[in-house]
């Protein structure tokens, strides 16, 4: 297993211990020491740093594993070493401030889902590299957020759209509202301190435990000057001068963060120091509402900015549309009648004789068709059978005895029956159609076989009469008994 030494300036911080690859040995080992500088490697007897995540002027952050959890939970170990040579009393003050701020961070992380949880905080005293010296470090262990900070995201994807930047602004405002309501001020808002995890949720990182320790140490040393705890370009004037900070201090830094995301430019490129003015709108045209809100957050005087995160959220919220009042035209004043209205005279109505409408002579104009006579029924059956016989001869001659010819025959015969039922064809029409069909049969079969075709059609016609008569008899019997 690889273990990374957390001592600043260690010449060979990477250490390998093959025996720790065994889980049982890993959980029971007492301690391991850096082979280069002698620094204890298993922090608080529990946390095993594996690699350096980042380093700044006041400390460093390491990715570590908690060997006392079943899955060796990943976590972040932050190390802080106060600057300057502090005496033992000053170190005690710094340690107390560190502990008090860590308690605050523990409350914030345990009650808000977008703030990392605090797992542990502890000091570590160890012999220094130089003989006879002693080094003291402060450590804070917190939840590891697996994702990418917005500074790295900006380098990867480029400028944020207005929608994307507005999402960052609103989410972090909600986090800051919680932080401020609990009596804390972050004081170091910037893209690298906002992390987006793999599910897309934004987290606010790097809370002020270490920063508060630095402030306390400097105060104990009696320097009376600015501690320099800010990120250049993101901090407002009151913070850079070492003055008192306010909730609007965080709002200023958040606005700078948003305009750097919108423009893709460094904060120093957007500030006109000659005119003491932020010049960002020309690089990222956005809606007037968002631009006005950001400009107010960026004002130099703290009392001229929004005073709370909720004020900013309210300013960003869409304004309800108030309907315009409807003005009705003036109504004339009511004037009472001066005389009784005339009495209406009765009207005599002479009844108009109703002339009955003659019944149309054409049966097709009636909504109900007259009943068929027996002769019409049997004649229709003979016609249908005759036509079916001739059509069968013609279709099998042309298409052969296939399913297509049988299906086509059924469709034509069905159409003939429907036409007779609706009286579209009747009387002499049947003889004319039968004659035309005989000519068609003659064309397809040839003149030598015409007598046979006519004979087959006549037999089919007689069969149609027989079938029609049978079905009519069955219909009469059923209608009588049912």
Protein backbone atom coordinates (compact mmCIF):
# COMPACT_ATOMS: atom_id res chain seq x y z
CA UNK A 1 0.00 0.00 0.00
CA UNK A 2 1.15 3.51 -0.82
CA UNK A 3 1.09 6.09 1.99
CA UNK A 4 1.81 9.77 1.38
CA UNK A 5 3.78 11.76 3.95
CA UNK A 6 2.02 14.96 5.04
CA UNK A 7 5.08 16.77 6.35
CA UNK A 8 5.70 19.96 4.29
CA UNK A 9 8.99 19.76 2.43
CA UNK A 10 9.46 16.02 2.81
CA UNK A 11 12.06 15.02 0.16
CA UNK A 12 10.40 11.64 -0.65
CA UNK A 13 6.77 11.68 0.49
CA UNK A 14 5.74 8.44 -1.27
CA UNK A 15 6.13 5.35 0.93
CA UNK A 16 5.27 1.76 0.06
CA UNK A 17 4.42 -0.93 2.63
CA UNK A 18 3.68 -4.34 1.12
CA UNK A 19 2.42 -5.79 4.41
CA UNK A 20 -0.48 -3.29 4.47
CA UNK A 21 -1.93 -4.82 1.32
CA UNK A 22 -3.40 -7.42 3.65
CA UNK A 23 -6.66 -6.14 5.17
CA UNK A 24 -6.06 -7.74 8.53
CA UNK A 25 -2.59 -6.22 8.84
CA UNK A 26 -3.88 -2.85 7.64
CA UNK A 27 -6.48 -2.68 10.40
CA UNK A 28 -4.18 -3.86 13.17
CA UNK A 29 -0.89 -2.08 12.37
CA UNK A 30 0.11 0.30 15.15
CA UNK A 31 1.88 2.99 13.12
CA UNK A 32 4.04 3.54 10.06
CA UNK A 33 6.70 6.22 9.65
CA UNK A 34 8.01 8.03 6.58
CA UNK A 35 11.24 6.41 5.39
CA UNK A 36 12.62 9.83 4.43
CA UNK A 37 11.71 12.18 7.31
CA UNK A 38 10.31 9.98 10.11
CA UNK A 39 6.83 11.63 10.03
CA UNK A 40 3.99 9.48 11.46
CA UNK A 41 1.93 8.37 8.43
CA UNK A 42 -1.29 6.92 9.93
CA UNK A 43 -2.94 10.11 11.20
CA UNK A 44 -4.80 9.84 14.50
CA UNK A 45 -4.10 6.11 14.20
CA UNK A 46 -6.90 5.92 11.60
CA UNK A 47 -6.50 8.00 8.43
CA UNK A 48 -4.06 6.87 5.73
CA UNK A 49 -3.19 9.60 3.17
CA UNK A 50 -2.69 8.25 -0.36
CA UNK A 51 -1.97 11.31 -2.50
CA UNK A 52 -1.78 15.11 -2.48
CA UNK A 53 -4.94 16.84 -3.76
CA UNK A 54 -3.77 20.44 -3.57
CA UNK A 55 -1.48 22.82 -1.74
CA UNK A 56 -1.66 26.49 -0.83
CA UNK A 57 0.04 29.07 1.30
CA UNK A 58 -1.59 27.89 4.54
CA UNK A 59 -1.59 24.12 4.21
CA UNK A 60 -2.43 21.18 1.99
CA UNK A 61 -5.24 18.69 1.28
CA UNK A 62 -4.76 14.95 0.89
CA UNK A 63 -6.97 12.12 -0.30
CA UNK A 64 -7.03 9.50 2.44
CA UNK A 65 -8.72 6.27 3.53
CA UNK A 66 -10.37 5.55 6.86
CA UNK A 67 -9.01 2.12 7.81
CA UNK A 68 -11.64 1.64 10.54
CA UNK A 69 -14.56 1.57 8.09
CA UNK A 70 -15.61 -1.63 6.28
CA UNK A 71 -15.02 -0.26 2.77
CA UNK A 72 -12.02 1.93 3.69
CA UNK A 73 -14.10 5.07 3.13
CA UNK A 74 -12.40 7.84 1.16
CA UNK A 75 -12.07 11.20 2.89
CA UNK A 76 -10.14 14.47 2.64
CA UNK A 77 -7.47 15.30 5.21
CA UNK A 78 -6.65 18.99 5.39
CA UNK A 79 -3.47 20.04 7.10
CA UNK A 80 -2.92 23.52 8.47
CA UNK A 81 0.29 24.92 9.84
CA UNK A 82 0.08 28.46 11.27
CA UNK A 83 2.51 30.87 9.65
CA UNK A 84 5.17 32.54 11.75
CA UNK A 85 6.98 31.40 14.83
CA UNK A 86 4.29 31.07 17.50
CA UNK A 87 5.01 30.47 21.16
CA UNK A 88 3.24 27.67 23.08
CA UNK A 89 0.51 30.00 24.36
CA UNK A 90 -0.26 31.23 20.86
CA UNK A 91 -0.43 27.64 19.60
CA UNK A 92 -2.99 26.83 22.33
CA UNK A 93 -5.11 29.79 21.25
CA UNK A 94 -4.85 28.68 17.62
CA UNK A 95 -5.81 25.14 18.60
CA UNK A 96 -8.87 26.34 20.55
CA UNK A 97 -10.02 28.48 17.62
CA UNK A 98 -9.48 25.55 15.29
CA UNK A 99 -11.60 23.29 17.49
CA UNK A 100 -14.37 25.86 17.91
CA UNK A 101 -14.58 26.47 14.15
CA UNK A 102 -14.48 22.73 13.48
CA UNK A 103 -17.49 22.31 15.75
CA UNK A 104 -19.34 24.91 13.69
CA UNK A 105 -18.39 23.14 10.47
CA UNK A 106 -19.57 19.84 11.93
CA UNK A 107 -23.01 21.35 12.59
CA UNK A 108 -23.23 22.87 9.11
CA UNK A 109 -22.13 19.72 7.30
CA UNK A 110 -24.43 17.43 9.26
CA UNK A 111 -27.52 19.57 8.61
CA UNK A 112 -27.05 20.73 5.01
CA UNK A 113 -26.69 18.28 2.10
CA UNK A 114 -24.45 20.60 0.05
CA UNK A 115 -21.78 21.07 2.71
CA UNK A 116 -19.29 18.22 3.32
CA UNK A 117 -19.56 16.41 6.64
CA UNK A 118 -16.80 16.86 9.22
CA UNK A 119 -15.38 13.53 10.42
CA UNK A 120 -12.56 14.56 12.76
CA UNK A 121 -10.17 17.31 13.85
CA UNK A 122 -6.97 16.91 15.81
CA UNK A 123 -3.48 18.36 16.32
CA UNK A 124 -0.31 16.36 15.72
CA UNK A 125 3.01 17.04 17.44
CA UNK A 126 6.04 15.26 16.03
CA UNK A 127 9.83 15.65 16.14
CA UNK A 128 11.12 18.01 13.47
CA UNK A 129 13.53 17.13 10.71
CA UNK A 130 16.25 19.06 12.50
CA UNK A 131 17.46 17.36 15.66
CA UNK A 132 16.05 18.82 18.84
CA UNK A 133 13.11 20.59 17.11
CA UNK A 134 9.44 19.85 17.26
CA UNK A 135 6.72 20.48 14.65
CA UNK A 136 3.03 20.90 15.36
CA UNK A 137 0.33 20.49 12.73
CA UNK A 138 -3.45 20.77 12.77
CA UNK A 139 -5.62 18.34 10.79
CA UNK A 140 -9.24 18.39 9.76
CA UNK A 141 -10.90 15.34 8.15
CA UNK A 142 -14.03 15.80 6.07
CA UNK A 143 -16.23 14.07 3.50
CA UNK A 144 -14.73 13.46 0.06
CA UNK A 145 -16.82 14.79 -2.82
CA UNK A 146 -16.08 12.81 -5.97
CA UNK A 147 -16.41 15.29 -8.81
CA UNK A 148 -14.89 18.36 -10.44
CA UNK A 149 -14.67 21.91 -9.14
CA UNK A 150 -15.99 24.76 -11.28
CA UNK A 151 -12.52 26.11 -12.03
CA UNK A 152 -11.59 22.80 -13.68
CA UNK A 153 -15.03 22.61 -15.34
CA UNK A 154 -14.54 26.07 -16.83
CA UNK A 155 -11.18 25.02 -18.30
CA UNK A 156 -12.79 21.90 -19.77
CA UNK A 157 -16.03 23.22 -21.27
CA UNK A 158 -15.48 26.96 -21.62
CA UNK A 159 -17.88 29.77 -20.78
CA UNK A 160 -21.09 28.97 -18.91
CA UNK A 161 -24.41 29.89 -20.47
CA UNK A 162 -26.71 32.25 -18.59
CA UNK A 163 -28.88 29.28 -17.54
CA UNK A 164 -25.88 27.37 -16.20
CA UNK A 165 -24.46 30.39 -14.36
CA UNK A 166 -27.87 31.21 -12.90
CA UNK A 167 -28.13 27.65 -11.58
CA UNK A 168 -24.77 28.03 -9.81
CA UNK A 169 -25.76 31.42 -8.40
CA UNK A 170 -29.11 30.25 -7.01
CA UNK A 171 -27.81 26.98 -5.54
CA UNK A 172 -24.87 28.61 -3.76
CA UNK A 173 -27.09 31.44 -2.54
CA UNK A 174 -29.27 28.85 -0.83
CA UNK A 175 -26.18 27.32 0.81
CA UNK A 176 -24.93 30.76 1.91
CA UNK A 177 -28.32 31.61 3.34
CA UNK A 178 -28.00 28.56 5.59
CA UNK A 179 -24.38 29.40 6.50
CA UNK A 180 -25.15 33.03 7.34
CA UNK A 181 -28.28 32.11 9.31
CA UNK A 182 -26.03 29.91 11.46
CA UNK A 183 -23.68 32.75 12.27
CA UNK A 184 -20.80 31.94 9.91
CA UNK A 185 -19.19 33.69 6.95
CA UNK A 186 -17.34 31.63 4.39
CA UNK A 187 -14.91 34.36 3.24
CA UNK A 188 -13.36 32.40 0.36
CA UNK A 189 -15.98 31.87 -2.35
CA UNK A 190 -14.38 31.12 -5.74
CA UNK A 191 -14.81 28.56 -8.54
CA UNK A 192 -12.27 26.14 -7.09
CA UNK A 193 -14.25 26.00 -3.83
CA UNK A 194 -17.49 24.95 -5.55
CA UNK A 195 -17.54 21.26 -6.46
CA UNK A 196 -20.00 19.48 -8.75
CA UNK A 197 -20.28 15.78 -7.94
CA UNK A 198 -20.95 13.02 -10.46
CA UNK A 199 -24.72 13.39 -9.99
CA UNK A 200 -24.61 17.11 -10.81
CA UNK A 201 -25.13 18.46 -7.27
CA UNK A 202 -23.08 21.51 -6.25
CA UNK A 203 -21.17 21.58 -2.95
CA UNK A 204 -19.58 24.54 -1.19
CA UNK A 205 -16.11 23.57 0.06
CA UNK A 206 -13.25 24.93 2.13
CA UNK A 207 -15.11 26.37 5.10
CA UNK A 208 -13.32 28.73 7.39
CA UNK A 209 -11.82 26.42 10.02
CA UNK A 210 -8.27 26.94 8.86
CA UNK A 211 -8.90 30.57 8.05
CA UNK A 212 -10.25 31.23 11.52
CA UNK A 213 -7.19 29.61 13.04
CA UNK A 214 -4.98 31.91 11.00
CA UNK A 215 -6.94 34.94 12.16
CA UNK A 216 -6.63 33.87 15.76
CA UNK A 217 -2.91 33.16 15.50
CA UNK A 218 -2.22 36.50 13.93
CA UNK A 219 -4.26 38.28 16.56
CA UNK A 220 -2.43 36.44 19.29
CA UNK A 221 0.86 37.46 17.78
CA UNK A 222 -0.32 41.04 18.02
CA UNK A 223 0.44 41.93 14.43
CA UNK A 224 -2.71 44.04 14.07
CA UNK A 225 -2.55 43.85 10.29
CA UNK A 226 -4.49 42.03 7.63
CA UNK A 227 -4.08 38.29 7.78
CA UNK A 228 -4.27 38.05 4.00
CA UNK A 229 -6.96 35.35 4.17
CA UNK A 230 -8.64 35.88 0.82
CA UNK A 231 -8.29 34.96 -2.85
CA UNK A 232 -7.00 37.83 -4.95
CA UNK A 233 -9.64 39.16 -7.30
CA UNK A 234 -12.59 37.60 -5.46
CA UNK A 235 -12.36 39.40 -2.12
CA UNK A 236 -14.08 42.80 -1.66
CA UNK A 237 -12.22 45.88 -0.40
CA UNK A 238 -13.19 45.47 3.27
CA UNK A 239 -11.69 41.97 3.34
CA UNK A 240 -8.50 42.96 1.49
CA UNK A 241 -7.92 45.79 3.95
CA UNK A 242 -8.30 43.45 6.93
CA UNK A 243 -11.53 45.07 8.06
CA UNK A 244 -14.73 43.50 9.33
CA UNK A 245 -16.50 41.05 7.04
CA UNK A 246 -20.25 40.71 6.48
CA UNK A 247 -22.67 38.39 4.69
CA UNK A 248 -22.38 40.77 1.74
CA UNK A 249 -18.65 39.93 1.68
CA UNK A 250 -19.56 36.43 0.55
CA UNK A 251 -22.13 37.83 -1.92
CA UNK A 252 -19.42 39.96 -3.56
CA UNK A 253 -17.12 36.93 -3.99
CA UNK A 254 -20.01 34.86 -5.36
CA UNK A 255 -20.78 37.54 -7.96
CA UNK A 256 -17.13 37.58 -9.07
CA UNK A 257 -17.30 33.79 -9.34
CA UNK A 258 -20.38 33.98 -11.57
CA UNK A 259 -18.98 36.60 -13.95
CA UNK A 260 -15.76 34.59 -14.38
CA UNK A 261 -17.90 31.58 -15.32
CA UNK A 262 -19.98 33.68 -17.74
CA UNK A 263 -17.01 35.33 -19.45
CA UNK A 264 -14.36 32.63 -19.17
CA UNK A 265 -11.90 35.33 -18.09
CA UNK A 266 -9.82 35.74 -14.97
CA UNK A 267 -11.23 38.13 -12.37
CA UNK A 268 -8.24 40.47 -12.79
CA UNK A 269 -9.05 40.94 -16.48
CA UNK A 270 -12.60 42.06 -15.70
CA UNK A 271 -11.84 44.74 -13.12
CA UNK A 272 -10.97 48.24 -14.33
CA UNK A 273 -8.74 49.48 -11.53
CA UNK A 274 -8.40 52.95 -13.07
CA UNK A 275 -12.15 53.60 -12.87
CA UNK A 276 -12.67 51.22 -9.92
CA UNK A 277 -15.38 49.42 -11.86
CA UNK A 278 -16.17 45.89 -13.04
CA UNK A 279 -16.30 45.68 -16.82
CA UNK A 280 -17.82 42.31 -17.67
CA UNK A 281 -21.11 42.91 -19.51
CA UNK A 282 -19.53 43.28 -22.94
CA UNK A 283 -18.03 39.77 -22.64
CA UNK A 284 -21.24 38.00 -21.59
CA UNK A 285 -24.56 39.55 -22.65
CA UNK A 286 -27.20 38.31 -20.23
CA UNK A 287 -30.70 39.36 -19.24
CA UNK A 288 -31.10 42.77 -17.63
CA UNK A 289 -32.37 41.22 -14.40
CA UNK A 290 -29.30 39.03 -13.89
CA UNK A 291 -26.88 41.78 -14.96
CA UNK A 292 -28.40 44.31 -12.54
CA UNK A 293 -28.32 41.82 -9.67
CA UNK A 294 -24.66 40.95 -10.27
CA UNK A 295 -23.65 44.61 -10.57
CA UNK A 296 -25.27 45.40 -7.24
CA UNK A 297 -23.52 42.44 -5.59
CA UNK A 298 -20.21 43.84 -6.94
CA UNK A 299 -20.51 47.30 -5.41
CA UNK A 300 -17.50 48.41 -3.36
CA UNK A 301 -19.34 49.55 -0.24
CA UNK A 302 -20.79 46.65 1.80
CA UNK A 303 -23.90 48.64 2.77
CA UNK A 304 -24.78 49.24 -0.90
CA UNK A 305 -24.87 45.56 -1.79
CA UNK A 306 -27.66 43.13 -1.03
CA UNK A 307 -27.58 42.47 2.68
CA UNK A 308 -28.53 38.77 2.58
CA UNK A 309 -28.64 35.82 0.24
CA UNK A 310 -32.43 35.84 0.46
CA UNK A 311 -32.49 39.43 -0.85
CA UNK A 312 -30.60 38.26 -3.95
CA UNK A 313 -32.93 35.28 -4.44
CA UNK A 314 -35.93 37.60 -4.20
CA UNK A 315 -34.42 39.95 -6.78
CA UNK A 316 -33.84 37.04 -9.18
CA UNK A 317 -37.34 35.64 -8.78
CA UNK A 318 -39.68 36.41 -11.70
CA UNK A 319 -42.07 39.22 -10.93
CA UNK A 320 -45.77 38.33 -11.06
CA UNK A 321 -47.65 39.89 -13.95
CA UNK A 322 -50.36 42.26 -12.72
CA UNK A 323 -53.29 42.47 -15.17
CA UNK A 324 -54.19 45.97 -16.32
CA UNK A 325 -57.51 47.29 -14.97
CA UNK A 326 -60.39 47.15 -17.45
CA UNK A 327 -62.17 50.50 -17.87
CA UNK A 328 -65.83 50.13 -18.77
CA UNK A 329 -67.55 52.84 -20.83
CA UNK A 330 -69.82 55.14 -18.79
CA UNK A 331 -73.40 53.93 -18.57
CA UNK A 332 -76.27 56.40 -19.09
CA UNK A 333 -78.14 57.40 -15.97
CA UNK A 334 -81.46 55.65 -15.40
CA UNK A 335 -84.45 57.87 -16.19
CA UNK A 336 -87.80 56.74 -14.77
CA UNK A 337 -90.70 56.66 -17.25
CA UNK A 338 -92.95 59.74 -17.15
CA UNK A 339 -96.06 58.00 -18.55
CA UNK A 340 -97.49 54.52 -18.65
CA UNK A 341 -96.44 52.58 -21.74
CA UNK A 342 -99.20 51.86 -24.25
CA UNK A 343 -101.06 48.59 -23.78
CA UNK A 344 -100.25 46.07 -26.49
CA UNK A 345 -103.19 45.22 -28.75
CA UNK A 346 -104.02 41.55 -29.29
CA UNK A 347 -102.89 40.12 -32.61
CA UNK A 348 -105.23 37.83 -34.49
CA UNK A 349 -103.42 34.97 -36.17
CA UNK A 350 -105.12 33.28 -39.12
CA UNK A 351 -104.07 29.63 -39.40
CA UNK A 352 -102.51 28.70 -42.72
CA UNK A 353 -103.77 25.44 -44.22
CA UNK A 354 -101.10 22.80 -44.43
CA UNK A 355 -100.71 21.16 -47.82
CA UNK A 356 -99.49 17.59 -47.49
CA UNK A 357 -96.19 16.95 -49.21
CA UNK A 358 -96.58 14.46 -52.06
CA UNK A 359 -94.69 11.24 -51.73
CA UNK A 360 -91.77 11.05 -54.09
CA UNK A 361 -92.27 8.67 -56.99
CA UNK A 362 -88.67 7.49 -56.90
CA UNK A 363 -88.27 4.84 -54.17
CA UNK A 364 -84.58 5.78 -53.73
CA UNK A 365 -85.59 9.20 -52.40
CA UNK A 366 -87.27 7.56 -49.37
CA UNK A 367 -85.37 6.78 -46.24
CA UNK A 368 -87.08 3.37 -46.05
CA UNK A 369 -87.10 1.07 -49.10
CA UNK A 370 -90.39 -0.78 -50.04
CA UNK A 371 -90.45 -4.52 -49.53
CA UNK A 372 -89.27 -6.82 -52.34
CA UNK A 373 -91.79 -9.05 -54.06
CA UNK A 374 -91.26 -12.81 -54.33
CA UNK A 375 -90.66 -12.48 -58.08
CA UNK A 376 -87.97 -9.82 -57.49
CA UNK A 377 -86.27 -11.98 -54.88
CA UNK A 378 -86.18 -15.10 -57.08
CA UNK A 379 -85.22 -13.04 -60.16
CA UNK A 380 -82.40 -11.48 -58.24
CA UNK A 381 -81.22 -14.93 -57.17
CA UNK A 382 -81.28 -16.15 -60.78
CA UNK A 383 -79.39 -13.05 -61.92
CA UNK A 384 -76.77 -13.40 -59.20
CA UNK A 385 -76.24 -17.11 -59.97
CA UNK A 386 -76.03 -16.46 -63.72
CA UNK A 387 -73.56 -13.64 -63.24
CA UNK A 388 -71.53 -15.67 -60.80
CA UNK A 389 -71.23 -18.54 -63.25
CA UNK A 390 -70.13 -16.36 -66.15
CA UNK A 391 -67.70 -14.40 -63.95
CA UNK A 392 -66.20 -17.64 -62.64
CA UNK A 393 -65.57 -18.81 -66.21
CA UNK A 394 -64.03 -15.47 -67.21
CA UNK A 395 -61.82 -15.09 -64.11
CA UNK A 396 -60.47 -18.64 -64.19
CA UNK A 397 -59.73 -18.21 -67.87
CA UNK A 398 -57.76 -15.04 -67.20
CA UNK A 399 -56.23 -15.66 -63.74
CA UNK A 400 -56.54 -19.42 -63.36
CA UNK A 401 -58.05 -21.21 -60.36
CA UNK A 402 -56.19 -19.21 -57.73
CA UNK A 403 -57.09 -17.51 -54.49
CA UNK A 404 -56.99 -14.14 -56.24
CA UNK A 405 -59.66 -15.16 -58.80
CA UNK A 406 -61.91 -16.65 -56.07
CA UNK A 407 -61.54 -13.54 -53.89
CA UNK A 408 -62.24 -11.21 -56.79
CA UNK A 409 -65.31 -13.29 -57.72
CA UNK A 410 -66.62 -13.02 -54.16
CA UNK A 411 -66.16 -9.24 -54.11
CA UNK A 412 -68.01 -8.75 -57.45
CA UNK A 413 -70.90 -11.06 -56.49
CA UNK A 414 -71.18 -9.35 -53.10
CA UNK A 415 -71.29 -5.97 -54.85
CA UNK A 416 -74.08 -7.20 -57.15
CA UNK A 417 -76.15 -8.42 -54.21
CA UNK A 418 -75.66 -5.08 -52.38
CA UNK A 419 -76.62 -3.12 -55.53
CA UNK A 420 -79.85 -5.12 -55.82
CA UNK A 421 -80.63 -4.64 -52.14
CA UNK A 422 -80.20 -0.87 -52.46
CA UNK A 423 -82.15 -0.94 -55.78
CA UNK A 424 -79.22 0.55 -57.61
CA UNK A 425 -79.86 -2.05 -60.30
CA UNK A 426 -83.27 -3.67 -60.87
CA UNK A 427 -85.68 -4.76 -63.58
CA UNK A 428 -84.24 -4.38 -67.07
CA UNK A 429 -80.86 -3.49 -65.65
CA UNK A 430 -80.40 -7.13 -64.71
CA UNK A 431 -80.95 -8.34 -68.31
CA UNK A 432 -78.57 -5.70 -69.72
CA UNK A 433 -75.79 -6.58 -67.26
CA UNK A 434 -76.31 -10.32 -67.95
CA UNK A 435 -75.96 -9.71 -71.69
CA UNK A 436 -72.76 -7.69 -71.24
CA UNK A 437 -71.30 -10.40 -69.02
CA UNK A 438 -72.13 -13.08 -71.68
CA UNK A 439 -70.16 -11.05 -74.26
CA UNK A 440 -67.21 -10.82 -71.89
CA UNK A 441 -67.37 -14.59 -71.32
CA UNK A 442 -67.45 -15.12 -75.08
CA UNK A 443 -64.34 -12.93 -75.46
CA UNK A 444 -62.35 -14.92 -72.91
CA UNK A 445 -63.56 -18.44 -73.71
CA UNK A 446 -63.95 -18.21 -77.54
CA UNK A 447 -66.94 -18.70 -79.88
CA UNK A 448 -66.72 -22.54 -79.98
CA UNK A 449 -67.33 -22.83 -76.21
CA UNK A 450 -70.03 -20.17 -75.83
CA UNK A 451 -72.89 -22.71 -75.60
CA UNK A 452 -71.09 -24.51 -72.78
CA UNK A 453 -70.48 -21.22 -70.94
CA UNK A 454 -74.14 -20.20 -71.32
CA UNK A 455 -75.24 -23.63 -70.12
CA UNK A 456 -73.00 -23.37 -67.03
CA UNK A 457 -74.31 -19.86 -66.30
CA UNK A 458 -77.94 -21.01 -66.62
CA UNK A 459 -77.31 -23.89 -64.23
CA UNK A 460 -75.67 -21.43 -61.81
CA UNK A 461 -78.69 -19.14 -62.14
CA UNK A 462 -81.07 -21.99 -61.31
CA UNK A 463 -78.87 -22.87 -58.35
CA UNK A 464 -79.10 -19.23 -57.23
CA UNK A 465 -82.92 -19.42 -57.41
CA UNK A 466 -82.90 -22.59 -55.36
CA UNK A 467 -80.54 -21.20 -52.71
CA UNK A 468 -82.54 -17.94 -52.50
CA UNK A 469 -85.82 -19.82 -52.08
CA UNK A 470 -84.30 -22.03 -49.38
CA UNK A 471 -82.95 -19.06 -47.41
CA UNK A 472 -86.28 -17.22 -47.74
CA UNK A 473 -88.14 -20.27 -46.39
CA UNK A 474 -85.75 -20.51 -43.43
CA UNK A 475 -86.15 -16.76 -42.76
CA UNK A 476 -89.99 -17.04 -42.75
CA UNK A 477 -89.91 -19.98 -40.35
CA UNK A 478 -87.55 -18.25 -37.95
CA UNK A 479 -89.53 -14.98 -38.00
CA UNK A 480 -92.70 -16.87 -37.14
CA UNK A 481 -91.35 -18.81 -34.18
CA UNK A 482 -88.95 -16.22 -32.70
